[in-house]
Amino acid sequence: HSRALEGDPGLRLMERLARKSGCDPVAALDMEPEYVKAILAPLGMLSHPILFITDHQRPEILERLLADPEIGPNIRLIPEEASW
């Protein structure tokens, strides 16, 4: 799920969560292909479809993932009209 957290409040939230969890404070926001692959590879899921949900505020994230030769072909964009 790619979603922009608005400005400084979102970054402060991520920094606070990172301090408590020991995780990278921006990796989940930037959603780099290597980050996604680092999560999926140990689970043996690199060849499975990757469902991508976004608010379209950072289209460069989807573009980067689609451009990656390893995971790009597996990206499935969930249409905006889909709702649960």
N, C-alpha and C. Protein backbone atom coordinates (compact mmCIF):
# COMPACT_ATOMS: atom_id res chain seq x y z
N HIS A 1 0.85 -1.16 0.00
CA HIS A 1 0.00 0.00 0.00
C HIS A 1 0.90 1.23 0.00
N SER A 2 0.78 2.02 -1.02
CA SER A 2 1.55 3.26 -1.13
C SER A 2 0.62 4.41 -0.78
N ARG A 3 0.99 5.12 0.24
CA ARG A 3 0.15 6.25 0.66
C ARG A 3 1.04 7.34 1.20
N ALA A 4 0.80 8.55 0.80
CA ALA A 4 1.57 9.67 1.31
C ALA A 4 1.07 10.03 2.71
N LEU A 5 1.99 10.21 3.61
CA LEU A 5 1.64 10.76 4.92
C LEU A 5 1.97 12.23 4.84
N GLU A 6 1.03 13.07 5.07
CA GLU A 6 1.13 14.48 4.77
C GLU A 6 2.22 15.19 5.57
N GLY A 7 3.26 15.64 4.89
CA GLY A 7 4.28 16.53 5.42
C GLY A 7 4.92 16.12 6.72
N ASP A 8 5.25 17.12 7.51
CA ASP A 8 5.97 16.90 8.77
C ASP A 8 5.23 16.00 9.75
N PRO A 9 3.90 16.12 9.90
CA PRO A 9 3.23 15.22 10.85
C PRO A 9 3.44 13.74 10.49
N GLY A 10 3.39 13.41 9.21
CA GLY A 10 3.60 12.03 8.79
C GLY A 10 5.02 11.58 9.05
N LEU A 11 5.98 12.45 8.76
CA LEU A 11 7.38 12.09 9.01
C LEU A 11 7.66 11.92 10.50
N ARG A 12 7.07 12.79 11.33
CA ARG A 12 7.25 12.65 12.78
C ARG A 12 6.66 11.33 13.27
N LEU A 13 5.50 10.97 12.74
CA LEU A 13 4.88 9.69 13.11
C LEU A 13 5.80 8.53 12.75
N MET A 14 6.33 8.55 11.53
CA MET A 14 7.20 7.46 11.09
C MET A 14 8.49 7.41 11.92
N GLU A 15 9.04 8.55 12.27
CA GLU A 15 10.25 8.58 13.10
C GLU A 15 9.97 7.99 14.49
N ARG A 16 8.82 8.34 15.05
CA ARG A 16 8.45 7.80 16.37
C ARG A 16 8.28 6.29 16.30
N LEU A 17 7.61 5.80 15.27
CA LEU A 17 7.43 4.36 15.11
C LEU A 17 8.77 3.67 14.87
N ALA A 18 9.65 4.31 14.12
CA ALA A 18 10.97 3.72 13.85
C ALA A 18 11.77 3.59 15.13
N ARG A 19 11.72 4.60 15.98
CA ARG A 19 12.46 4.52 17.25
C ARG A 19 11.95 3.36 18.11
N LYS A 20 10.65 3.16 18.13
CA LYS A 20 10.07 2.10 18.95
C LYS A 20 10.30 0.72 18.36
N SER A 21 10.32 0.62 17.03
CA SER A 21 10.42 -0.69 16.40
C SER A 21 11.82 -1.04 15.91
N GLY A 22 12.67 -0.03 15.73
CA GLY A 22 14.00 -0.27 15.18
C GLY A 22 13.99 -0.34 13.66
N CYS A 23 12.88 -0.03 13.03
CA CYS A 23 12.77 -0.07 11.57
C CYS A 23 13.22 1.26 10.97
N ASP A 24 13.53 1.22 9.68
CA ASP A 24 13.90 2.42 8.94
C ASP A 24 12.73 3.40 8.95
N PRO A 25 12.99 4.70 9.22
CA PRO A 25 11.88 5.65 9.34
C PRO A 25 11.21 6.03 8.02
N VAL A 26 11.86 5.80 6.87
CA VAL A 26 11.24 6.22 5.61
C VAL A 26 11.13 5.10 4.58
N ALA A 27 11.68 3.94 4.84
CA ALA A 27 11.66 2.86 3.83
C ALA A 27 10.23 2.50 3.41
N ALA A 28 9.33 2.43 4.35
CA ALA A 28 7.94 2.08 4.01
C ALA A 28 7.25 3.20 3.24
N LEU A 29 7.71 4.43 3.41
CA LEU A 29 7.14 5.55 2.65
C LEU A 29 7.68 5.59 1.22
N ASP A 30 8.97 5.27 1.07
CA ASP A 30 9.61 5.35 -0.24
C ASP A 30 9.37 4.12 -1.10
N MET A 31 9.13 2.98 -0.47
CA MET A 31 8.77 1.74 -1.16
C MET A 31 9.69 1.44 -2.35
N GLU A 32 11.01 1.52 -2.11
CA GLU A 32 11.98 1.20 -3.16
C GLU A 32 11.86 -0.28 -3.53
N PRO A 33 12.16 -0.63 -4.79
CA PRO A 33 12.10 -2.04 -5.19
C PRO A 33 12.93 -2.96 -4.29
N GLU A 34 14.10 -2.53 -3.88
CA GLU A 34 14.94 -3.38 -3.03
C GLU A 34 14.28 -3.64 -1.67
N TYR A 35 13.56 -2.66 -1.16
CA TYR A 35 12.83 -2.81 0.10
C TYR A 35 11.75 -3.88 -0.05
N VAL A 36 10.97 -3.77 -1.14
CA VAL A 36 9.90 -4.73 -1.39
C VAL A 36 10.48 -6.14 -1.56
N LYS A 37 11.56 -6.24 -2.33
CA LYS A 37 12.18 -7.55 -2.56
C LYS A 37 12.76 -8.13 -1.27
N ALA A 38 13.30 -7.27 -0.40
CA ALA A 38 13.85 -7.75 0.87
C ALA A 38 12.77 -8.35 1.76
N ILE A 39 11.55 -7.88 1.61
CA ILE A 39 10.43 -8.43 2.39
C ILE A 39 9.93 -9.73 1.75
N LEU A 40 9.78 -9.73 0.43
CA LEU A 40 9.18 -10.87 -0.26
C LEU A 40 10.12 -12.06 -0.44
N ALA A 41 11.40 -11.80 -0.66
CA ALA A 41 12.35 -12.89 -0.95
C ALA A 41 12.42 -13.94 0.15
N PRO A 42 12.58 -13.56 1.42
CA PRO A 42 12.65 -14.59 2.47
C PRO A 42 11.37 -15.42 2.59
N LEU A 43 10.27 -14.87 2.10
CA LEU A 43 8.99 -15.58 2.15
C LEU A 43 8.75 -16.43 0.90
N GLY A 44 9.70 -16.37 -0.05
CA GLY A 44 9.55 -17.12 -1.29
C GLY A 44 8.43 -16.58 -2.16
N MET A 45 8.18 -15.28 -2.11
CA MET A 45 7.03 -14.71 -2.80
C MET A 45 7.39 -13.77 -3.95
N LEU A 46 8.65 -13.77 -4.39
CA LEU A 46 9.04 -12.86 -5.46
C LEU A 46 8.34 -13.14 -6.78
N SER A 47 7.90 -14.35 -6.99
CA SER A 47 7.25 -14.68 -8.26
C SER A 47 5.72 -14.58 -8.18
N HIS A 48 5.20 -14.14 -7.06
CA HIS A 48 3.75 -14.01 -6.89
C HIS A 48 3.28 -12.60 -7.25
N PRO A 49 2.01 -12.44 -7.58
CA PRO A 49 1.48 -11.10 -7.86
C PRO A 49 1.63 -10.18 -6.65
N ILE A 50 1.89 -8.93 -6.92
CA ILE A 50 1.99 -7.90 -5.88
C ILE A 50 0.85 -6.92 -6.12
N LEU A 51 -0.10 -6.90 -5.21
CA LEU A 51 -1.25 -6.00 -5.34
C LEU A 51 -0.85 -4.63 -4.83
N PHE A 52 -1.01 -3.63 -5.66
CA PHE A 52 -0.57 -2.27 -5.33
C PHE A 52 -1.77 -1.37 -5.14
N ILE A 53 -1.90 -0.84 -3.94
CA ILE A 53 -2.99 0.07 -3.58
C ILE A 53 -2.35 1.44 -3.33
N THR A 54 -2.90 2.48 -3.93
CA THR A 54 -2.27 3.79 -3.78
C THR A 54 -3.30 4.91 -3.76
N ASP A 55 -2.89 6.04 -3.18
CA ASP A 55 -3.71 7.25 -3.24
C ASP A 55 -3.24 8.16 -4.37
N HIS A 56 -2.27 7.71 -5.15
CA HIS A 56 -1.74 8.40 -6.33
C HIS A 56 -1.04 9.72 -6.01
N GLN A 57 -0.70 9.95 -4.76
CA GLN A 57 0.01 11.18 -4.42
C GLN A 57 1.50 11.10 -4.74
N ARG A 58 2.01 9.86 -4.87
CA ARG A 58 3.44 9.69 -5.21
C ARG A 58 3.55 8.68 -6.34
N PRO A 59 3.21 9.09 -7.56
CA PRO A 59 3.22 8.16 -8.70
C PRO A 59 4.60 7.58 -8.99
N GLU A 60 5.65 8.25 -8.57
CA GLU A 60 7.01 7.75 -8.82
C GLU A 60 7.26 6.40 -8.13
N ILE A 61 6.53 6.11 -7.07
CA ILE A 61 6.70 4.83 -6.39
C ILE A 61 6.25 3.69 -7.30
N LEU A 62 5.07 3.81 -7.87
CA LEU A 62 4.57 2.79 -8.79
C LEU A 62 5.48 2.69 -10.01
N GLU A 63 5.91 3.83 -10.54
CA GLU A 63 6.80 3.83 -11.71
C GLU A 63 8.09 3.06 -11.43
N ARG A 64 8.69 3.29 -10.25
CA ARG A 64 9.93 2.58 -9.87
C ARG A 64 9.70 1.09 -9.76
N LEU A 65 8.60 0.70 -9.12
CA LEU A 65 8.33 -0.72 -8.95
C LEU A 65 8.06 -1.40 -10.29
N LEU A 66 7.30 -0.73 -11.15
CA LEU A 66 7.02 -1.30 -12.47
C LEU A 66 8.29 -1.41 -13.32
N ALA A 67 9.23 -0.51 -13.13
CA ALA A 67 10.47 -0.51 -13.91
C ALA A 67 11.45 -1.58 -13.45
N ASP A 68 11.25 -2.13 -12.26
CA ASP A 68 12.17 -3.15 -11.76
C ASP A 68 11.95 -4.46 -12.54
N PRO A 69 13.02 -5.01 -13.13
CA PRO A 69 12.84 -6.21 -13.96
C PRO A 69 12.40 -7.45 -13.19
N GLU A 70 12.69 -7.48 -11.90
CA GLU A 70 12.34 -8.67 -11.12
C GLU A 70 10.90 -8.66 -10.62
N ILE A 71 10.46 -7.54 -10.10
CA ILE A 71 9.11 -7.50 -9.53
C ILE A 71 8.11 -6.74 -10.39
N GLY A 72 8.59 -5.90 -11.30
CA GLY A 72 7.69 -5.10 -12.15
C GLY A 72 6.61 -5.90 -12.84
N PRO A 73 6.96 -7.05 -13.45
CA PRO A 73 5.92 -7.83 -14.13
C PRO A 73 4.84 -8.38 -13.21
N ASN A 74 5.11 -8.41 -11.90
CA ASN A 74 4.15 -8.97 -10.95
C ASN A 74 3.24 -7.93 -10.31
N ILE A 75 3.47 -6.64 -10.60
CA ILE A 75 2.67 -5.58 -9.99
C ILE A 75 1.27 -5.57 -10.60
N ARG A 76 0.27 -5.56 -9.74
CA ARG A 76 -1.13 -5.46 -10.16
C ARG A 76 -1.73 -4.25 -9.45
N LEU A 77 -2.04 -3.21 -10.22
CA LEU A 77 -2.61 -2.00 -9.64
C LEU A 77 -4.10 -2.21 -9.37
N ILE A 78 -4.50 -1.98 -8.14
CA ILE A 78 -5.91 -2.08 -7.78
C ILE A 78 -6.60 -0.80 -8.27
N PRO A 79 -7.67 -0.92 -9.05
CA PRO A 79 -8.34 0.27 -9.58
C PRO A 79 -8.93 1.14 -8.47
N GLU A 80 -8.97 2.44 -8.74
CA GLU A 80 -9.50 3.38 -7.76
C GLU A 80 -10.94 3.05 -7.36
N GLU A 81 -11.71 2.55 -8.31
CA GLU A 81 -13.13 2.30 -8.01
C GLU A 81 -13.35 1.07 -7.13
N ALA A 82 -12.31 0.28 -6.92
CA ALA A 82 -12.44 -0.89 -6.04
C ALA A 82 -12.51 -0.40 -4.59
N SER A 83 -13.42 -0.92 -3.86
CA SER A 83 -13.52 -0.57 -2.44
C SER A 83 -13.99 -1.80 -1.67
N TRP A 84 -13.63 -1.81 -0.41
CA TRP A 84 -14.01 -2.93 0.44
C TRP A 84 -14.85 -2.46 1.57
